[in-house]
Amino acid sequence: AKLNMLLEMELGITGGEEDGVDNEDADPADLYSKPEEIWQVYEALSKVPNGKFTVAAAFGNVHGVYAPGNVKLDPEILNNAQKFIGDKIGKPGSKPVSFVFHGGSGSDIKDIKQ
């Protein structure tokens, strides 16, 4: 039966602590999703007929409450992934991925808007 649901994929490691899992000691490189990783998810889920999905990519975001300035976001990662995937699907300049943002406390509002 049709479910009319949306799937959210959380990629990479979101730093900080949530539900008793502490990622404070994670390799910093793992806190940032690569365009190729986002592409793998996009490519697979785009094959689902009428599929709806969002991607929570890691771009330095962390779970938990942090003071402003303690979170180092790199939103350009999301922009680079949009360009990479847009080129892959033959639609350069498009924004094919629907991103969602996890772990925004302590983030600068300009980074969130970007």
Foldseek 3Di string as FASTA:
>chain_A
DDDPDEAEAEDFDAAADDPRDHRPPPDVVRQFDALVVVLVVCVVQVPPVVHHYAYATRFQAHDDADAAPPTDGDCVRQVVSQQVNCVVVVRHPDRPHHYDYPRCHNYDVVSVVD
